[in-house]
Amino acid sequence: MENMESKGMFEGLFKGADLSEAQIIVVNESGGTVINHQHAANEGGKRHFPLDGNEKQGREVYQQLINERFIAPDCDEDSFLFIMGYKAEINGEVKQIVWLQTKQLAREFVTLKNQKAIDSKLLRMATLEELTEKLFVKDGKPLKLAKNKPVISSESDTLLKIMRPKATTY
């Protein structure tokens, strides 16, 4: 019976929607239901990382990344929120994120932001790398992530504090 109710709910929710370019995933987290989509946009489509978080969180991360000189101060906030999965829709052109730090720190940032999707196998590392190259620029060129060679640094610690503000270190 429950399965039929769920089916009816989702059929109504997505009735008339063109989902040919989207992947809908229903995840139960702490008793709640989350609907997550990850675009596999066709050529010319608007691409972004999986949805995770909300606009308020995204604005805080955006401002901290600017303050700590990880992204350019003139980075478009709406584009950042859309690209990084803090909001599902954007009007107008999506502007690439200008990354100011090392390629290794970029890898750490996009991995931290997308860790849930990576752990649950909704996002492969190859896809993460491909999306980063399309959505980020460094020195005027598409940002190709460094091979993963974690290095202990104060910048890595700063990124961790930005992305996991409630994390406690012992």
N, C-alpha and C. Protein backbone atom coordinates (compact mmCIF):
# COMPACT_ATOMS: atom_id res chain seq x y z
N MET A 1 0.82 -1.20 0.00
CA MET A 1 0.00 0.00 0.00
C MET A 1 0.86 1.26 0.00
N GLU A 2 1.88 1.28 0.89
CA GLU A 2 2.76 2.46 0.99
C GLU A 2 3.46 2.74 -0.34
N ASN A 3 3.86 1.69 -1.03
CA ASN A 3 4.54 1.84 -2.32
C ASN A 3 3.64 2.54 -3.33
N MET A 4 2.35 2.20 -3.35
CA MET A 4 1.41 2.82 -4.28
C MET A 4 1.20 4.29 -3.93
N GLU A 5 1.15 4.63 -2.63
CA GLU A 5 1.00 6.02 -2.22
C GLU A 5 2.22 6.83 -2.66
N SER A 6 3.40 6.27 -2.47
CA SER A 6 4.63 6.95 -2.89
C SER A 6 4.65 7.17 -4.39
N LYS A 7 4.24 6.14 -5.12
CA LYS A 7 4.22 6.24 -6.58
C LYS A 7 3.29 7.37 -7.01
N GLY A 8 2.10 7.42 -6.43
CA GLY A 8 1.14 8.47 -6.77
C GLY A 8 1.66 9.85 -6.42
N MET A 9 2.34 9.98 -5.27
CA MET A 9 2.89 11.26 -4.84
C MET A 9 3.94 11.75 -5.84
N PHE A 10 4.82 10.87 -6.26
CA PHE A 10 5.88 11.28 -7.17
C PHE A 10 5.38 11.51 -8.59
N GLU A 11 4.40 10.73 -9.01
CA GLU A 11 3.83 10.98 -10.33
C GLU A 11 3.22 12.37 -10.38
N GLY A 12 2.51 12.77 -9.31
CA GLY A 12 1.92 14.10 -9.26
C GLY A 12 2.97 15.19 -9.15
N LEU A 13 4.00 14.94 -8.39
CA LEU A 13 5.05 15.93 -8.18
C LEU A 13 5.78 16.27 -9.47
N PHE A 14 6.02 15.29 -10.31
CA PHE A 14 6.80 15.51 -11.53
C PHE A 14 5.96 15.49 -12.80
N LYS A 15 4.64 15.52 -12.67
CA LYS A 15 3.75 15.46 -13.83
C LYS A 15 4.06 16.61 -14.80
N GLY A 16 4.29 16.27 -16.04
CA GLY A 16 4.55 17.27 -17.07
C GLY A 16 5.99 17.75 -17.12
N ALA A 17 6.82 17.33 -16.18
CA ALA A 17 8.22 17.78 -16.17
C ALA A 17 9.04 16.94 -17.14
N ASP A 18 9.97 17.59 -17.82
CA ASP A 18 10.89 16.88 -18.69
C ASP A 18 12.09 16.48 -17.86
N LEU A 19 12.17 15.24 -17.50
CA LEU A 19 13.23 14.74 -16.64
C LEU A 19 14.29 13.98 -17.43
N SER A 20 14.30 14.14 -18.73
CA SER A 20 15.23 13.37 -19.56
C SER A 20 16.68 13.74 -19.27
N GLU A 21 16.94 14.93 -18.76
CA GLU A 21 18.31 15.34 -18.48
C GLU A 21 18.60 15.40 -16.99
N ALA A 22 17.74 14.82 -16.16
CA ALA A 22 17.92 14.90 -14.72
C ALA A 22 17.87 13.51 -14.10
N GLN A 23 18.52 13.40 -12.99
CA GLN A 23 18.48 12.17 -12.21
C GLN A 23 17.82 12.55 -10.89
N ILE A 24 16.72 11.92 -10.55
CA ILE A 24 16.02 12.20 -9.31
C ILE A 24 16.35 11.10 -8.32
N ILE A 25 16.80 11.50 -7.15
CA ILE A 25 17.17 10.54 -6.14
C ILE A 25 16.44 10.91 -4.86
N VAL A 26 15.78 9.96 -4.25
CA VAL A 26 15.09 10.21 -3.00
C VAL A 26 15.92 9.58 -1.90
N VAL A 27 16.28 10.37 -0.91
CA VAL A 27 17.15 9.91 0.16
C VAL A 27 16.44 10.15 1.48
N ASN A 28 16.45 9.19 2.34
CA ASN A 28 15.85 9.36 3.65
C ASN A 28 16.97 9.72 4.63
N GLU A 29 16.93 10.92 5.15
CA GLU A 29 17.94 11.38 6.11
C GLU A 29 17.23 11.76 7.40
N SER A 30 17.50 11.04 8.47
CA SER A 30 16.92 11.34 9.79
C SER A 30 15.41 11.44 9.74
N GLY A 31 14.78 10.56 9.00
CA GLY A 31 13.33 10.54 8.96
C GLY A 31 12.71 11.46 7.93
N GLY A 32 13.48 12.26 7.27
CA GLY A 32 12.95 13.18 6.27
C GLY A 32 13.24 12.68 4.87
N THR A 33 12.56 13.24 3.91
CA THR A 33 12.79 12.87 2.52
C THR A 33 13.40 14.05 1.79
N VAL A 34 14.47 13.80 1.08
CA VAL A 34 15.15 14.82 0.32
C VAL A 34 15.07 14.44 -1.15
N ILE A 35 14.73 15.37 -1.99
CA ILE A 35 14.73 15.12 -3.42
C ILE A 35 15.94 15.82 -3.98
N ASN A 36 16.78 15.08 -4.63
CA ASN A 36 18.05 15.59 -5.13
C ASN A 36 18.11 15.32 -6.62
N HIS A 37 18.56 16.29 -7.39
CA HIS A 37 18.75 16.02 -8.81
C HIS A 37 20.15 16.45 -9.22
N GLN A 38 20.66 15.73 -10.16
CA GLN A 38 22.00 16.02 -10.66
C GLN A 38 21.89 16.09 -12.17
N HIS A 39 22.19 17.23 -12.71
CA HIS A 39 22.06 17.40 -14.15
C HIS A 39 23.18 16.70 -14.90
N ALA A 40 22.79 16.07 -15.98
CA ALA A 40 23.74 15.61 -16.98
C ALA A 40 23.37 16.41 -18.21
N ALA A 41 23.56 17.72 -18.11
CA ALA A 41 23.04 18.64 -19.12
C ALA A 41 23.65 18.38 -20.49
N ASN A 42 22.82 18.56 -21.49
CA ASN A 42 23.31 18.41 -22.85
C ASN A 42 24.17 19.62 -23.21
N GLU A 43 24.80 19.60 -24.35
CA GLU A 43 25.67 20.68 -24.79
C GLU A 43 24.92 22.00 -24.72
N GLY A 44 25.51 22.98 -24.05
CA GLY A 44 24.88 24.28 -23.92
C GLY A 44 23.97 24.38 -22.72
N GLY A 45 23.70 23.26 -22.03
CA GLY A 45 22.84 23.28 -20.85
C GLY A 45 23.58 23.86 -19.65
N LYS A 46 22.83 24.18 -18.62
CA LYS A 46 23.42 24.74 -17.40
C LYS A 46 23.79 23.59 -16.47
N ARG A 47 25.07 23.44 -16.21
CA ARG A 47 25.56 22.33 -15.39
C ARG A 47 25.88 22.82 -13.99
N HIS A 48 25.74 21.92 -13.03
CA HIS A 48 26.07 22.24 -11.65
C HIS A 48 26.35 20.96 -10.87
N PHE A 49 26.91 21.14 -9.69
CA PHE A 49 27.14 20.02 -8.80
C PHE A 49 25.80 19.61 -8.17
N PRO A 50 25.73 18.42 -7.57
CA PRO A 50 24.48 17.98 -6.95
C PRO A 50 23.97 18.96 -5.88
N LEU A 51 22.67 19.06 -5.78
CA LEU A 51 22.06 19.93 -4.78
C LEU A 51 22.35 19.40 -3.39
N ASP A 52 22.83 20.30 -2.54
CA ASP A 52 23.10 19.95 -1.15
C ASP A 52 23.26 21.26 -0.39
N GLY A 53 22.43 21.49 0.59
CA GLY A 53 22.49 22.73 1.36
C GLY A 53 21.40 23.69 0.89
N ASN A 54 21.43 24.89 1.45
CA ASN A 54 20.44 25.89 1.08
C ASN A 54 21.13 27.22 0.74
N GLU A 55 20.36 28.17 0.27
CA GLU A 55 20.94 29.45 -0.17
C GLU A 55 21.63 30.18 0.97
N LYS A 56 21.07 30.14 2.17
CA LYS A 56 21.69 30.83 3.31
C LYS A 56 23.09 30.26 3.58
N GLN A 57 23.20 28.94 3.61
CA GLN A 57 24.50 28.30 3.79
C GLN A 57 25.45 28.69 2.66
N GLY A 58 24.92 28.66 1.44
CA GLY A 58 25.73 28.99 0.27
C GLY A 58 26.28 30.41 0.32
N ARG A 59 25.45 31.35 0.76
CA ARG A 59 25.90 32.76 0.86
C ARG A 59 27.01 32.91 1.89
N GLU A 60 26.89 32.16 2.99
CA GLU A 60 27.94 32.20 4.02
C GLU A 60 29.25 31.64 3.47
N VAL A 61 29.18 30.50 2.79
CA VAL A 61 30.37 29.88 2.20
C VAL A 61 30.98 30.83 1.16
N TYR A 62 30.14 31.38 0.31
CA TYR A 62 30.57 32.32 -0.74
C TYR A 62 31.36 33.48 -0.13
N GLN A 63 30.79 34.11 0.91
CA GLN A 63 31.46 35.27 1.51
C GLN A 63 32.77 34.88 2.18
N GLN A 64 32.79 33.74 2.86
CA GLN A 64 34.02 33.29 3.51
C GLN A 64 35.10 32.96 2.49
N LEU A 65 34.72 32.35 1.37
CA LEU A 65 35.71 32.03 0.33
C LEU A 65 36.30 33.31 -0.26
N ILE A 66 35.49 34.35 -0.39
CA ILE A 66 36.01 35.64 -0.87
C ILE A 66 36.92 36.25 0.19
N ASN A 67 36.46 36.27 1.44
CA ASN A 67 37.24 36.87 2.53
C ASN A 67 38.60 36.20 2.70
N GLU A 68 38.63 34.90 2.49
CA GLU A 68 39.88 34.14 2.67
C GLU A 68 40.67 34.03 1.36
N ARG A 69 40.23 34.71 0.32
CA ARG A 69 40.91 34.79 -0.97
C ARG A 69 41.04 33.44 -1.70
N PHE A 70 39.95 32.63 -1.61
CA PHE A 70 39.89 31.40 -2.38
C PHE A 70 39.27 31.66 -3.75
N ILE A 71 38.25 32.54 -3.78
CA ILE A 71 37.61 32.91 -5.05
C ILE A 71 37.70 34.42 -5.23
N ALA A 72 37.59 34.85 -6.48
CA ALA A 72 37.69 36.27 -6.81
C ALA A 72 36.54 37.06 -6.18
N PRO A 73 36.83 38.28 -5.72
CA PRO A 73 35.78 39.09 -5.08
C PRO A 73 34.64 39.47 -6.02
N ASP A 74 34.89 39.45 -7.31
CA ASP A 74 33.83 39.80 -8.26
C ASP A 74 33.11 38.57 -8.82
N CYS A 75 33.30 37.43 -8.18
CA CYS A 75 32.61 36.21 -8.57
C CYS A 75 31.10 36.43 -8.40
N ASP A 76 30.33 36.05 -9.40
CA ASP A 76 28.88 36.24 -9.37
C ASP A 76 28.24 35.32 -8.33
N GLU A 77 27.56 35.92 -7.34
CA GLU A 77 26.99 35.15 -6.24
C GLU A 77 25.92 34.16 -6.71
N ASP A 78 25.01 34.58 -7.58
CA ASP A 78 23.96 33.67 -8.06
C ASP A 78 24.57 32.49 -8.82
N SER A 79 25.58 32.75 -9.63
CA SER A 79 26.25 31.67 -10.35
C SER A 79 26.92 30.71 -9.37
N PHE A 80 27.59 31.25 -8.35
CA PHE A 80 28.23 30.42 -7.34
C PHE A 80 27.20 29.51 -6.66
N LEU A 81 26.09 30.09 -6.23
CA LEU A 81 25.05 29.32 -5.53
C LEU A 81 24.50 28.21 -6.42
N PHE A 82 24.29 28.51 -7.69
CA PHE A 82 23.76 27.51 -8.62
C PHE A 82 24.81 26.43 -8.91
N ILE A 83 26.01 26.84 -9.27
CA ILE A 83 27.07 25.89 -9.62
C ILE A 83 27.35 24.92 -8.47
N MET A 84 27.41 25.46 -7.25
CA MET A 84 27.81 24.64 -6.12
C MET A 84 26.64 23.86 -5.50
N GLY A 85 25.44 23.98 -6.08
CA GLY A 85 24.31 23.17 -5.63
C GLY A 85 23.59 23.72 -4.42
N TYR A 86 23.72 25.02 -4.16
CA TYR A 86 22.97 25.62 -3.07
C TYR A 86 21.60 26.12 -3.53
N LYS A 87 21.40 26.23 -4.84
CA LYS A 87 20.07 26.55 -5.38
C LYS A 87 19.91 25.82 -6.70
N ALA A 88 18.66 25.50 -7.02
CA ALA A 88 18.37 24.61 -8.15
C ALA A 88 18.20 25.34 -9.47
N GLU A 89 17.87 26.61 -9.44
CA GLU A 89 17.58 27.34 -10.67
C GLU A 89 18.35 28.64 -10.72
N ILE A 90 18.60 29.12 -11.93
CA ILE A 90 19.24 30.41 -12.13
C ILE A 90 18.65 31.05 -13.39
N ASN A 91 18.44 32.33 -13.31
CA ASN A 91 17.99 33.07 -14.49
C ASN A 91 19.22 33.68 -15.14
N GLY A 92 19.28 33.58 -16.44
CA GLY A 92 20.40 34.19 -17.16
C GLY A 92 21.61 33.27 -17.25
N GLU A 93 22.71 33.88 -17.62
CA GLU A 93 23.96 33.17 -17.88
C GLU A 93 24.64 32.73 -16.58
N VAL A 94 25.21 31.54 -16.62
CA VAL A 94 26.00 31.05 -15.49
C VAL A 94 27.45 31.47 -15.74
N LYS A 95 28.01 32.22 -14.80
CA LYS A 95 29.39 32.69 -14.92
C LYS A 95 30.29 31.77 -14.11
N GLN A 96 31.42 31.40 -14.70
CA GLN A 96 32.35 30.50 -14.04
C GLN A 96 32.91 31.11 -12.76
N ILE A 97 33.28 30.25 -11.84
CA ILE A 97 33.89 30.67 -10.58
C ILE A 97 35.38 30.85 -10.82
N VAL A 98 35.92 32.00 -10.44
CA VAL A 98 37.35 32.28 -10.60
C VAL A 98 38.05 31.85 -9.31
N TRP A 99 38.86 30.77 -9.42
CA TRP A 99 39.59 30.21 -8.29
C TRP A 99 40.95 30.88 -8.19
N LEU A 100 41.33 31.31 -6.99
CA LEU A 100 42.58 32.06 -6.80
C LEU A 100 43.70 31.23 -6.16
N GLN A 101 43.36 30.12 -5.56
CA GLN A 101 44.35 29.32 -4.84
C GLN A 101 44.88 28.17 -5.72
N THR A 102 45.55 27.22 -5.09
CA THR A 102 46.17 26.12 -5.84
C THR A 102 45.12 25.14 -6.35
N LYS A 103 45.53 24.33 -7.31
CA LYS A 103 44.65 23.30 -7.85
C LYS A 103 44.35 22.23 -6.80
N GLN A 104 45.30 21.96 -5.92
CA GLN A 104 45.06 21.00 -4.83
C GLN A 104 43.99 21.51 -3.89
N LEU A 105 44.02 22.79 -3.55
CA LEU A 105 42.99 23.35 -2.68
C LEU A 105 41.63 23.36 -3.37
N ALA A 106 41.62 23.54 -4.68
CA ALA A 106 40.37 23.46 -5.43
C ALA A 106 39.80 22.04 -5.31
N ARG A 107 40.67 21.04 -5.46
CA ARG A 107 40.23 19.64 -5.31
C ARG A 107 39.64 19.43 -3.92
N GLU A 108 40.31 19.92 -2.90
CA GLU A 108 39.82 19.75 -1.54
C GLU A 108 38.47 20.43 -1.36
N PHE A 109 38.30 21.63 -1.92
CA PHE A 109 37.05 22.36 -1.80
C PHE A 109 35.89 21.61 -2.46
N VAL A 110 36.03 21.25 -3.73
CA VAL A 110 34.90 20.59 -4.42
C VAL A 110 34.62 19.21 -3.84
N THR A 111 35.64 18.55 -3.32
CA THR A 111 35.44 17.24 -2.68
C THR A 111 34.70 17.41 -1.36
N LEU A 112 35.11 18.38 -0.55
CA LEU A 112 34.41 18.64 0.71
C LEU A 112 32.94 18.99 0.46
N LYS A 113 32.70 19.85 -0.51
CA LYS A 113 31.33 20.28 -0.80
C LYS A 113 30.46 19.12 -1.27
N ASN A 114 31.04 18.19 -1.99
CA ASN A 114 30.26 17.10 -2.61
C ASN A 114 30.49 15.75 -1.95
N GLN A 115 31.00 15.74 -0.71
CA GLN A 115 31.37 14.49 -0.05
C GLN A 115 30.20 13.52 0.08
N LYS A 116 29.01 14.02 0.42
CA LYS A 116 27.84 13.13 0.56
C LYS A 116 27.51 12.43 -0.76
N ALA A 117 27.53 13.18 -1.84
CA ALA A 117 27.22 12.61 -3.16
C ALA A 117 28.30 11.61 -3.58
N ILE A 118 29.55 11.90 -3.25
CA ILE A 118 30.65 10.99 -3.58
C ILE A 118 30.51 9.70 -2.77
N ASP A 119 30.30 9.83 -1.46
CA ASP A 119 30.19 8.66 -0.58
C ASP A 119 29.02 7.77 -0.96
N SER A 120 27.91 8.37 -1.41
CA SER A 120 26.73 7.58 -1.76
C SER A 120 26.75 7.12 -3.22
N LYS A 121 27.85 7.37 -3.90
CA LYS A 121 28.05 6.93 -5.29
C LYS A 121 27.15 7.67 -6.29
N LEU A 122 26.60 8.81 -5.89
CA LEU A 122 25.79 9.62 -6.80
C LEU A 122 26.67 10.48 -7.69
N LEU A 123 27.91 10.69 -7.27
CA LEU A 123 28.85 11.50 -8.03
C LEU A 123 30.19 10.79 -8.06
N ARG A 124 30.66 10.51 -9.26
CA ARG A 124 31.98 9.87 -9.41
C ARG A 124 33.06 10.95 -9.44
N MET A 125 34.25 10.60 -9.05
CA MET A 125 35.35 11.56 -9.05
C MET A 125 35.64 12.07 -10.46
N ALA A 126 35.51 11.20 -11.45
CA ALA A 126 35.75 11.64 -12.84
C ALA A 126 34.74 12.72 -13.25
N THR A 127 33.50 12.56 -12.82
CA THR A 127 32.47 13.56 -13.12
C THR A 127 32.76 14.85 -12.37
N LEU A 128 33.17 14.74 -11.11
CA LEU A 128 33.54 15.91 -10.32
C LEU A 128 34.66 16.69 -11.00
N GLU A 129 35.66 15.99 -11.49
CA GLU A 129 36.78 16.64 -12.18
C GLU A 129 36.33 17.31 -13.47
N GLU A 130 35.47 16.64 -14.22
CA GLU A 130 34.95 17.18 -15.47
C GLU A 130 34.12 18.45 -15.22
N LEU A 131 33.24 18.39 -14.23
CA LEU A 131 32.42 19.55 -13.90
C LEU A 131 33.28 20.73 -13.44
N THR A 132 34.28 20.45 -12.62
CA THR A 132 35.16 21.52 -12.13
C THR A 132 35.85 22.21 -13.29
N GLU A 133 36.31 21.44 -14.25
CA GLU A 133 37.00 22.02 -15.40
C GLU A 133 36.08 22.93 -16.22
N LYS A 134 34.80 22.62 -16.25
CA LYS A 134 33.84 23.43 -17.00
C LYS A 134 33.32 24.63 -16.20
N LEU A 135 33.28 24.50 -14.87
CA LEU A 135 32.62 25.50 -14.04
C LEU A 135 33.57 26.45 -13.31
N PHE A 136 34.86 26.12 -13.28
CA PHE A 136 35.85 26.96 -12.60
C PHE A 136 36.93 27.39 -13.59
N VAL A 137 37.51 28.56 -13.35
CA VAL A 137 38.69 29.00 -14.10
C VAL A 137 39.76 29.44 -13.12
N LYS A 138 41.00 29.29 -13.55
CA LYS A 138 42.16 29.77 -12.80
C LYS A 138 43.11 30.37 -13.80
N ASP A 139 43.53 31.60 -13.55
CA ASP A 139 44.43 32.32 -14.46
C ASP A 139 43.86 32.36 -15.88
N GLY A 140 42.55 32.51 -15.99
CA GLY A 140 41.89 32.65 -17.30
C GLY A 140 41.70 31.36 -18.07
N LYS A 141 42.06 30.22 -17.49
CA LYS A 141 41.95 28.92 -18.17
C LYS A 141 41.06 27.98 -17.36
N PRO A 142 40.43 27.00 -18.03
CA PRO A 142 39.64 26.03 -17.28
C PRO A 142 40.49 25.38 -16.19
N LEU A 143 39.91 25.21 -15.01
CA LEU A 143 40.64 24.68 -13.86
C LEU A 143 40.66 23.16 -13.91
N LYS A 144 41.83 22.61 -14.16
CA LYS A 144 42.04 21.16 -14.13
C LYS A 144 42.59 20.83 -12.75
N LEU A 145 41.87 20.01 -12.02
CA LEU A 145 42.27 19.70 -10.64
C LEU A 145 43.59 18.96 -10.58
N ALA A 146 44.34 19.21 -9.50
CA ALA A 146 45.59 18.50 -9.26
C ALA A 146 45.28 17.05 -8.92
N LYS A 147 46.25 16.17 -9.16
CA LYS A 147 46.13 14.81 -8.65
C LYS A 147 46.09 14.93 -7.13
N ASN A 148 45.34 14.07 -6.49
CA ASN A 148 45.14 14.23 -5.05
C ASN A 148 46.42 13.93 -4.28
N LYS A 149 47.05 15.00 -3.80
CA LYS A 149 48.25 14.90 -2.97
C LYS A 149 48.04 15.79 -1.76
N PRO A 150 47.24 15.31 -0.79
CA PRO A 150 46.94 16.16 0.36
C PRO A 150 48.21 16.64 1.07
N VAL A 151 48.23 17.92 1.35
CA VAL A 151 49.34 18.54 2.05
C VAL A 151 48.76 19.29 3.23
N ILE A 152 49.32 19.09 4.40
CA ILE A 152 48.84 19.80 5.57
C ILE A 152 49.20 21.27 5.40
N SER A 153 48.17 22.12 5.48
CA SER A 153 48.41 23.55 5.33
C SER A 153 47.34 24.33 6.07
N SER A 154 47.65 25.57 6.39
CA SER A 154 46.67 26.41 7.07
C SER A 154 45.49 26.69 6.13
N GLU A 155 45.75 26.75 4.81
CA GLU A 155 44.67 26.97 3.84
C GLU A 155 43.69 25.79 3.84
N SER A 156 44.22 24.56 3.94
CA SER A 156 43.36 23.37 4.02
C SER A 156 42.51 23.42 5.28
N ASP A 157 43.13 23.82 6.39
CA ASP A 157 42.38 23.95 7.64
C ASP A 157 41.28 25.00 7.52
N THR A 158 41.59 26.11 6.85
CA THR A 158 40.60 27.18 6.65
C THR A 158 39.43 26.66 5.82
N LEU A 159 39.73 25.93 4.74
CA LEU A 159 38.67 25.36 3.91
C LEU A 159 37.78 24.42 4.73
N LEU A 160 38.40 23.61 5.54
CA LEU A 160 37.64 22.67 6.37
C LEU A 160 36.72 23.43 7.32
N LYS A 161 37.20 24.51 7.90
CA LYS A 161 36.37 25.31 8.82
C LYS A 161 35.22 25.97 8.07
N ILE A 162 35.46 26.39 6.83
CA ILE A 162 34.39 27.01 6.04
C ILE A 162 33.33 25.98 5.69
N MET A 163 33.76 24.81 5.26
CA MET A 163 32.82 23.80 4.77
C MET A 163 32.20 22.95 5.88
N ARG A 164 32.88 22.83 7.00
CA ARG A 164 32.38 22.05 8.14
C ARG A 164 32.47 22.91 9.41
N PRO A 165 31.69 23.99 9.48
CA PRO A 165 31.84 24.93 10.58
C PRO A 165 31.55 24.35 11.96
N LYS A 166 30.77 23.28 12.03
CA LYS A 166 30.43 22.70 13.33
C LYS A 166 31.34 21.54 13.70
N ALA A 167 32.30 21.23 12.84
CA ALA A 167 33.22 20.12 13.13
C ALA A 167 34.10 20.49 14.31
N THR A 168 34.36 19.51 15.12
CA THR A 168 35.20 19.71 16.29
C THR A 168 36.49 18.94 16.11
N THR A 169 37.60 19.58 16.41
CA THR A 169 38.89 18.88 16.34
C THR A 169 39.36 18.62 17.77
N TYR A 170 39.99 17.50 17.97
CA TYR A 170 40.50 17.13 19.30
C TYR A 170 41.99 17.08 19.27
